[in-house]
Amino acid sequence: MSATPPSLLAELQSRLAELLRNGPAADIERNVKALLAQAFQRADLVTREEFDAQLERLARLQQRVEQLEKLLAERT
């Protein structure tokens, strides 16, 4: 799944807000924001920090597996 760049989301939100401010559509704006928030929540997106932390954890685990494989090979 590809993540949408934050700048694109900000631009989309600002354009929607500008369009909706010029009419009696404040309720629609709130509904669109709520729908977008729900869609992003369901998409299971993670922050860059969370992603990088998981990459580091994976690298450490991969090193540990290699160490254990080497130890096992030495014992056989």
PDB file of N, CA and C in Angstrom:
ATOM      1  N   MET A   1       0.842  -1.168   0.000  1.00  0.00           N
ATOM      2  CA  MET A   1       0.000   0.000   0.000  1.00  0.00           C
ATOM      3  C   MET A   1       0.890   1.234   0.000  1.00  0.00           C
ATOM      4  N   SER A   2       0.569   2.187  -0.803  1.00  0.00           N
ATOM      5  CA  SER A   2       1.386   3.401  -0.847  1.00  0.00           C
ATOM      6  C   SER A   2       0.709   4.480  -0.031  1.00  0.00           C
ATOM      7  N   ALA A   3       1.482   5.199   0.723  1.00  0.00           N
ATOM      8  CA  ALA A   3       0.966   6.273   1.561  1.00  0.00           C
ATOM      9  C   ALA A   3       0.893   7.557   0.753  1.00  0.00           C
ATOM     10  N   THR A   4      -0.104   8.383   1.061  1.00  0.00           N
ATOM     11  CA  THR A   4      -0.254   9.661   0.393  1.00  0.00           C
ATOM     12  C   THR A   4       0.652  10.675   1.066  1.00  0.00           C
ATOM     13  N   PRO A   5       1.400  11.455   0.288  1.00  0.00           N
ATOM     14  CA  PRO A   5       2.302  12.448   0.894  1.00  0.00           C
ATOM     15  C   PRO A   5       1.523  13.462   1.724  1.00  0.00           C
ATOM     16  N   PRO A   6       2.069  13.863   2.873  1.00  0.00           N
ATOM     17  CA  PRO A   6       1.365  14.828   3.730  1.00  0.00           C
ATOM     18  C   PRO A   6       1.075  16.150   3.026  1.00  0.00           C
ATOM     19  N   SER A   7       1.957  16.597   2.142  1.00  0.00           N
ATOM     20  CA  SER A   7       1.724  17.873   1.458  1.00  0.00           C
ATOM     21  C   SER A   7       0.491  17.786   0.562  1.00  0.00           C
ATOM     22  N   LEU A   8       0.279  16.638  -0.051  1.00  0.00           N
ATOM     23  CA  LEU A   8      -0.901  16.464  -0.898  1.00  0.00           C
ATOM     24  C   LEU A   8      -2.166  16.494  -0.046  1.00  0.00           C
ATOM     25  N   LEU A   9      -2.122  15.848   1.106  1.00  0.00           N
ATOM     26  CA  LEU A   9      -3.280  15.845   1.993  1.00  0.00           C
ATOM     27  C   LEU A   9      -3.580  17.251   2.505  1.00  0.00           C
ATOM     28  N   ALA A  10      -2.547  17.990   2.857  1.00  0.00           N
ATOM     29  CA  ALA A  10      -2.741  19.357   3.344  1.00  0.00           C
ATOM     30  C   ALA A  10      -3.336  20.238   2.249  1.00  0.00           C
ATOM     31  N   GLU A  11      -2.846  20.076   1.035  1.00  0.00           N
ATOM     32  CA  GLU A  11      -3.370  20.871  -0.079  1.00  0.00           C
ATOM     33  C   GLU A  11      -4.833  20.521  -0.345  1.00  0.00           C
ATOM     34  N   LEU A  12      -5.148  19.229  -0.320  1.00  0.00           N
ATOM     35  CA  LEU A  12      -6.525  18.790  -0.526  1.00  0.00           C
ATOM     36  C   LEU A  12      -7.432  19.371   0.547  1.00  0.00           C
ATOM     37  N   GLN A  13      -6.991  19.314   1.793  1.00  0.00           N
ATOM     38  CA  GLN A  13      -7.795  19.833   2.889  1.00  0.00           C
ATOM     39  C   GLN A  13      -7.988  21.340   2.765  1.00  0.00           C
ATOM     40  N   SER A  14      -6.940  22.064   2.412  1.00  0.00           N
ATOM     41  CA  SER A  14      -7.074  23.520   2.301  1.00  0.00           C
ATOM     42  C   SER A  14      -8.007  23.904   1.152  1.00  0.00           C
ATOM     43  N   ARG A  15      -7.900  23.179   0.046  1.00  0.00           N
ATOM     44  CA  ARG A  15      -8.798  23.490  -1.088  1.00  0.00           C
ATOM     45  C   ARG A  15     -10.248  23.179  -0.746  1.00  0.00           C
ATOM     46  N   LEU A  16     -10.465  22.043  -0.064  1.00  0.00           N
ATOM     47  CA  LEU A  16     -11.830  21.712   0.357  1.00  0.00           C
ATOM     48  C   LEU A  16     -12.360  22.761   1.320  1.00  0.00           C
ATOM     49  N   ALA A  17     -11.527  23.172   2.261  1.00  0.00           N
ATOM     50  CA  ALA A  17     -11.950  24.172   3.236  1.00  0.00           C
ATOM     51  C   ALA A  17     -12.306  25.485   2.549  1.00  0.00           C
ATOM     52  N   GLU A  18     -11.502  25.887   1.581  1.00  0.00           N
ATOM     53  CA  GLU A  18     -11.768  27.138   0.856  1.00  0.00           C
ATOM     54  C   GLU A  18     -13.081  27.054   0.087  1.00  0.00           C
ATOM     55  N   LEU A  19     -13.306  25.942  -0.576  1.00  0.00           N
ATOM     56  CA  LEU A  19     -14.555  25.776  -1.319  1.00  0.00           C
ATOM     57  C   LEU A  19     -15.770  25.781  -0.401  1.00  0.00           C
ATOM     58  N   LEU A  20     -15.629  25.117   0.722  1.00  0.00           N
ATOM     59  CA  LEU A  20     -16.770  24.979   1.620  1.00  0.00           C
ATOM     60  C   LEU A  20     -17.042  26.240   2.435  1.00  0.00           C
ATOM     61  N   ARG A  21     -16.017  27.047   2.676  1.00  0.00           N
ATOM     62  CA  ARG A  21     -16.201  28.292   3.425  1.00  0.00           C
ATOM     63  C   ARG A  21     -17.067  29.291   2.667  1.00  0.00           C
ATOM     64  N   ASN A  22     -17.051  29.196   1.354  1.00  0.00           N
ATOM     65  CA  ASN A  22     -17.777  30.170   0.537  1.00  0.00           C
ATOM     66  C   ASN A  22     -19.257  29.855   0.392  1.00  0.00           C
ATOM     67  N   GLY A  23     -19.730  28.836   1.074  1.00  0.00           N
ATOM     68  CA  GLY A  23     -21.143  28.493   0.974  1.00  0.00           C
ATOM     69  C   GLY A  23     -21.659  28.001   2.313  1.00  0.00           C
ATOM     70  N   PRO A  24     -22.910  27.596   2.324  1.00  0.00           N
ATOM     71  CA  PRO A  24     -23.500  27.108   3.582  1.00  0.00           C
ATOM     72  C   PRO A  24     -23.137  25.636   3.830  1.00  0.00           C
ATOM     73  N   ALA A  25     -21.884  25.301   3.603  1.00  0.00           N
ATOM     74  CA  ALA A  25     -21.503  23.895   3.639  1.00  0.00           C
ATOM     75  C   ALA A  25     -20.604  23.532   4.820  1.00  0.00           C
ATOM     76  N   ALA A  26     -20.742  24.215   5.922  1.00  0.00           N
ATOM     77  CA  ALA A  26     -19.902  23.911   7.085  1.00  0.00           C
ATOM     78  C   ALA A  26     -20.138  22.489   7.572  1.00  0.00           C
ATOM     79  N   ASP A  27     -21.392  22.044   7.508  1.00  0.00           N
ATOM     80  CA  ASP A  27     -21.705  20.672   7.918  1.00  0.00           C
ATOM     81  C   ASP A  27     -21.055  19.667   6.990  1.00  0.00           C
ATOM     82  N   ILE A  28     -21.057  19.985   5.706  1.00  0.00           N
ATOM     83  CA  ILE A  28     -20.427  19.087   4.736  1.00  0.00           C
ATOM     84  C   ILE A  28     -18.932  19.007   5.002  1.00  0.00           C
ATOM     85  N   GLU A  29     -18.323  20.136   5.328  1.00  0.00           N
ATOM     86  CA  GLU A  29     -16.887  20.154   5.620  1.00  0.00           C
ATOM     87  C   GLU A  29     -16.576  19.242   6.812  1.00  0.00           C
ATOM     88  N   ARG A  30     -17.370  19.371   7.859  1.00  0.00           N
ATOM     89  CA  ARG A  30     -17.154  18.515   9.035  1.00  0.00           C
ATOM     90  C   ARG A  30     -17.328  17.046   8.668  1.00  0.00           C
ATOM     91  N   ASN A  31     -18.329  16.750   7.854  1.00  0.00           N
ATOM     92  CA  ASN A  31     -18.573  15.361   7.452  1.00  0.00           C
ATOM     93  C   ASN A  31     -17.435  14.820   6.592  1.00  0.00           C
ATOM     94  N   VAL A  32     -16.932  15.637   5.673  1.00  0.00           N
ATOM     95  CA  VAL A  32     -15.823  15.206   4.811  1.00  0.00           C
ATOM     96  C   VAL A  32     -14.580  14.955   5.659  1.00  0.00           C
ATOM     97  N   LYS A  33     -14.300  15.858   6.604  1.00  0.00           N
ATOM     98  CA  LYS A  33     -13.145  15.663   7.485  1.00  0.00           C
ATOM     99  C   LYS A  33     -13.294  14.376   8.294  1.00  0.00           C
ATOM    100  N   ALA A  34     -14.484  14.128   8.785  1.00  0.00           N
ATOM    101  CA  ALA A  34     -14.720  12.912   9.570  1.00  0.00           C
ATOM    102  C   ALA A  34     -14.550  11.667   8.700  1.00  0.00           C
ATOM    103  N   LEU A  35     -15.067  11.728   7.484  1.00  0.00           N
ATOM    104  CA  LEU A  35     -14.930  10.593   6.574  1.00  0.00           C
ATOM    105  C   LEU A  35     -13.470  10.333   6.221  1.00  0.00           C
ATOM    106  N   LEU A  36     -12.720  11.404   5.969  1.00  0.00           N
ATOM    107  CA  LEU A  36     -11.293  11.250   5.671  1.00  0.00           C
ATOM    108  C   LEU A  36     -10.539  10.673   6.869  1.00  0.00           C
ATOM    109  N   ALA A  37     -10.852  11.168   8.048  1.00  0.00           N
ATOM    110  CA  ALA A  37     -10.191  10.669   9.260  1.00  0.00           C
ATOM    111  C   ALA A  37     -10.478   9.173   9.441  1.00  0.00           C
ATOM    112  N   GLN A  38     -11.721   8.769   9.217  1.00  0.00           N
ATOM    113  CA  GLN A  38     -12.075   7.353   9.344  1.00  0.00           C
ATOM    114  C   GLN A  38     -11.350   6.513   8.296  1.00  0.00           C
ATOM    115  N   ALA A  39     -11.275   7.022   7.088  1.00  0.00           N
ATOM    116  CA  ALA A  39     -10.598   6.279   6.013  1.00  0.00           C
ATOM    117  C   ALA A  39      -9.126   6.091   6.330  1.00  0.00           C
ATOM    118  N   PHE A  40      -8.474   7.135   6.834  1.00  0.00           N
ATOM    119  CA  PHE A  40      -7.055   7.028   7.169  1.00  0.00           C
ATOM    120  C   PHE A  40      -6.840   6.109   8.364  1.00  0.00           C
ATOM    121  N   GLN A  41      -7.766   6.148   9.307  1.00  0.00           N
ATOM    122  CA  GLN A  41      -7.647   5.278  10.467  1.00  0.00           C
ATOM    123  C   GLN A  41      -7.767   3.811  10.044  1.00  0.00           C
ATOM    124  N   ARG A  42      -8.689   3.523   9.151  1.00  0.00           N
ATOM    125  CA  ARG A  42      -8.865   2.153   8.668  1.00  0.00           C
ATOM    126  C   ARG A  42      -7.707   1.696   7.798  1.00  0.00           C
ATOM    127  N   ALA A  43      -6.981   2.635   7.216  1.00  0.00           N
ATOM    128  CA  ALA A  43      -5.881   2.278   6.321  1.00  0.00           C
ATOM    129  C   ALA A  43      -4.671   1.765   7.086  1.00  0.00           C
ATOM    130  N   ASP A  44      -4.690   1.843   8.422  1.00  0.00           N
ATOM    131  CA  ASP A  44      -3.581   1.357   9.245  1.00  0.00           C
ATOM    132  C   ASP A  44      -2.250   1.991   8.855  1.00  0.00           C
ATOM    133  N   LEU A  45      -2.235   3.282   8.696  1.00  0.00           N
ATOM    134  CA  LEU A  45      -1.007   3.994   8.371  1.00  0.00           C
ATOM    135  C   LEU A  45      -0.165   4.157   9.632  1.00  0.00           C
ATOM    136  N   VAL A  46       1.140   4.181   9.457  1.00  0.00           N
ATOM    137  CA  VAL A  46       2.043   4.407  10.584  1.00  0.00           C
ATOM    138  C   VAL A  46       2.914   5.617  10.286  1.00  0.00           C
ATOM    139  N   THR A  47       3.448   6.197  11.347  1.00  0.00           N
ATOM    140  CA  THR A  47       4.325   7.347  11.151  1.00  0.00           C
ATOM    141  C   THR A  47       5.691   6.863  10.680  1.00  0.00           C
ATOM    142  N   ARG A  48       6.468   7.768  10.161  1.00  0.00           N
ATOM    143  CA  ARG A  48       7.830   7.448   9.719  1.00  0.00           C
ATOM    144  C   ARG A  48       8.649   6.937  10.897  1.00  0.00           C
ATOM    145  N   GLU A  49       8.467   7.548  12.072  1.00  0.00           N
ATOM    146  CA  GLU A  49       9.208   7.137  13.263  1.00  0.00           C
ATOM    147  C   GLU A  49       8.889   5.689  13.629  1.00  0.00           C
ATOM    148  N   GLU A  50       7.600   5.333  13.589  1.00  0.00           N
ATOM    149  CA  GLU A  50       7.206   3.948  13.895  1.00  0.00           C
ATOM    150  C   GLU A  50       7.804   2.981  12.872  1.00  0.00           C
ATOM    151  N   PHE A  51       7.769   3.378  11.620  1.00  0.00           N
ATOM    152  CA  PHE A  51       8.294   2.536  10.553  1.00  0.00           C
ATOM    153  C   PHE A  51       9.795   2.317  10.741  1.00  0.00           C
ATOM    154  N   ASP A  52      10.537   3.408  11.006  1.00  0.00           N
ATOM    155  CA  ASP A  52      11.981   3.308  11.207  1.00  0.00           C
ATOM    156  C   ASP A  52      12.316   2.458  12.428  1.00  0.00           C
ATOM    157  N   ALA A  53      11.537   2.598  13.495  1.00  0.00           N
ATOM    158  CA  ALA A  53      11.773   1.796  14.698  1.00  0.00           C
ATOM    159  C   ALA A  53      11.587   0.314  14.393  1.00  0.00           C
ATOM    160  N   GLN A  54      10.577  -0.008  13.607  1.00  0.00           N
ATOM    161  CA  GLN A  54      10.345  -1.410  13.248  1.00  0.00           C
ATOM    162  C   GLN A  54      11.460  -1.930  12.343  1.00  0.00           C
ATOM    163  N   LEU A  55      11.975  -1.087  11.457  1.00  0.00           N
ATOM    164  CA  LEU A  55      13.101  -1.500  10.610  1.00  0.00           C
ATOM    165  C   LEU A  55      14.334  -1.821  11.456  1.00  0.00           C
ATOM    166  N   GLU A  56      14.597  -0.981  12.454  1.00  0.00           N
ATOM    167  CA  GLU A  56      15.728  -1.226  13.347  1.00  0.00           C
ATOM    168  C   GLU A  56      15.533  -2.530  14.120  1.00  0.00           C
ATOM    169  N   ARG A  57      14.342  -2.737  14.616  1.00  0.00           N
ATOM    170  CA  ARG A  57      14.042  -3.969  15.351  1.00  0.00           C
ATOM    171  C   ARG A  57      14.227  -5.185  14.452  1.00  0.00           C
ATOM    172  N   LEU A  58      13.761  -5.092  13.233  1.00  0.00           N
ATOM    173  CA  LEU A  58      13.911  -6.187  12.285  1.00  0.00           C
ATOM    174  C   LEU A  58      15.379  -6.475  12.004  1.00  0.00           C
ATOM    175  N   ALA A  59      16.184  -5.446  11.864  1.00  0.00           N
ATOM    176  CA  ALA A  59      17.615  -5.634  11.615  1.00  0.00           C
ATOM    177  C   ALA A  59      18.279  -6.334  12.795  1.00  0.00           C
ATOM    178  N   ARG A  60      17.922  -5.934  14.020  1.00  0.00           N
ATOM    179  CA  ARG A  60      18.487  -6.597  15.206  1.00  0.00           C
ATOM    180  C   ARG A  60      18.069  -8.059  15.274  1.00  0.00           C
ATOM    181  N   LEU A  61      16.810  -8.326  14.979  1.00  0.00           N
ATOM    182  CA  LEU A  61      16.321  -9.704  14.991  1.00  0.00           C
ATOM    183  C   LEU A  61      17.009 -10.549  13.918  1.00  0.00           C
ATOM    184  N   GLN A  62      17.228  -9.948  12.774  1.00  0.00           N
ATOM    185  CA  GLN A  62      17.905 -10.648  11.689  1.00  0.00           C
ATOM    186  C   GLN A  62      19.339 -11.000  12.096  1.00  0.00           C
ATOM    187  N   GLN A  63      20.030 -10.082  12.765  1.00  0.00           N
ATOM    188  CA  GLN A  63      21.379 -10.367  13.258  1.00  0.00           C
ATOM    189  C   GLN A  63      21.356 -11.495  14.276  1.00  0.00           C
ATOM    190  N   ARG A  64      20.374 -11.469  15.148  1.00  0.00           N
ATOM    191  CA  ARG A  64      20.271 -12.511  16.181  1.00  0.00           C
ATOM    192  C   ARG A  64      20.024 -13.874  15.539  1.00  0.00           C
ATOM    193  N   VAL A  65      19.173 -13.939  14.543  1.00  0.00           N
ATOM    194  CA  VAL A  65      18.912 -15.206  13.844  1.00  0.00           C
ATOM    195  C   VAL A  65      20.188 -15.719  13.198  1.00  0.00           C
ATOM    196  N   GLU A  66      20.945 -14.823  12.573  1.00  0.00           N
ATOM    197  CA  GLU A  66      22.213 -15.228  11.948  1.00  0.00           C
ATOM    198  C   GLU A  66      23.184 -15.768  12.997  1.00  0.00           C
ATOM    199  N   GLN A  67      23.241 -15.127  14.181  1.00  0.00           N
ATOM    200  CA  GLN A  67      24.114 -15.607  15.254  1.00  0.00           C
ATOM    201  C   GLN A  67      23.694 -17.003  15.714  1.00  0.00           C
ATOM    202  N   LEU A  68      22.396 -17.192  15.881  1.00  0.00           N
ATOM    203  CA  LEU A  68      21.898 -18.492  16.323  1.00  0.00           C
ATOM    204  C   LEU A  68      22.129 -19.575  15.269  1.00  0.00           C
ATOM    205  N   GLU A  69      21.968 -19.217  13.991  1.00  0.00           N
ATOM    206  CA  GLU A  69      22.235 -20.183  12.923  1.00  0.00           C
ATOM    207  C   GLU A  69      23.708 -20.584  12.918  1.00  0.00           C
ATOM    208  N   LYS A  70      24.586 -19.614  13.122  1.00  0.00           N
ATOM    209  CA  LYS A  70      26.024 -19.898  13.161  1.00  0.00           C
ATOM    210  C   LYS A  70      26.359 -20.803  14.345  1.00  0.00           C
ATOM    211  N   LEU A  71      25.784 -20.504  15.514  1.00  0.00           N
ATOM    212  CA  LEU A  71      25.998 -21.324  16.696  1.00  0.00           C
ATOM    213  C   LEU A  71      25.494 -22.746  16.486  1.00  0.00           C
ATOM    214  N   LEU A  72      24.351 -22.872  15.872  1.00  0.00           N
ATOM    215  CA  LEU A  72      23.789 -24.186  15.586  1.00  0.00           C
ATOM    216  C   LEU A  72      24.661 -24.961  14.611  1.00  0.00           C
ATOM    217  N   ALA A  73      25.177 -24.279  13.603  1.00  0.00           N
ATOM    218  CA  ALA A  73      26.041 -24.931  12.628  1.00  0.00           C
ATOM    219  C   ALA A  73      27.327 -25.409  13.267  1.00  0.00           C
ATOM    220  N   GLU A  74      27.863 -24.669  14.234  1.00  0.00           N
ATOM    221  CA  GLU A  74      29.086 -25.053  14.935  1.00  0.00           C
ATOM    222  C   GLU A  74      28.869 -26.298  15.806  1.00  0.00           C
ATOM    223  N   ARG A  75      27.674 -26.473  16.303  1.00  0.00           N
ATOM    224  CA  ARG A  75      27.363 -27.604  17.181  1.00  0.00           C
ATOM    225  C   ARG A  75      27.087 -28.885  16.422  1.00  0.00           C
ATOM    226  N   THR A  76      26.840 -28.789  15.137  1.00  0.00           N
ATOM    227  CA  THR A  76      26.554 -30.015  14.370  1.00  0.00           C
ATOM    228  C   THR A  76      27.760 -30.527  13.624  1.00  0.00           C
TER     229      THR A  76
END
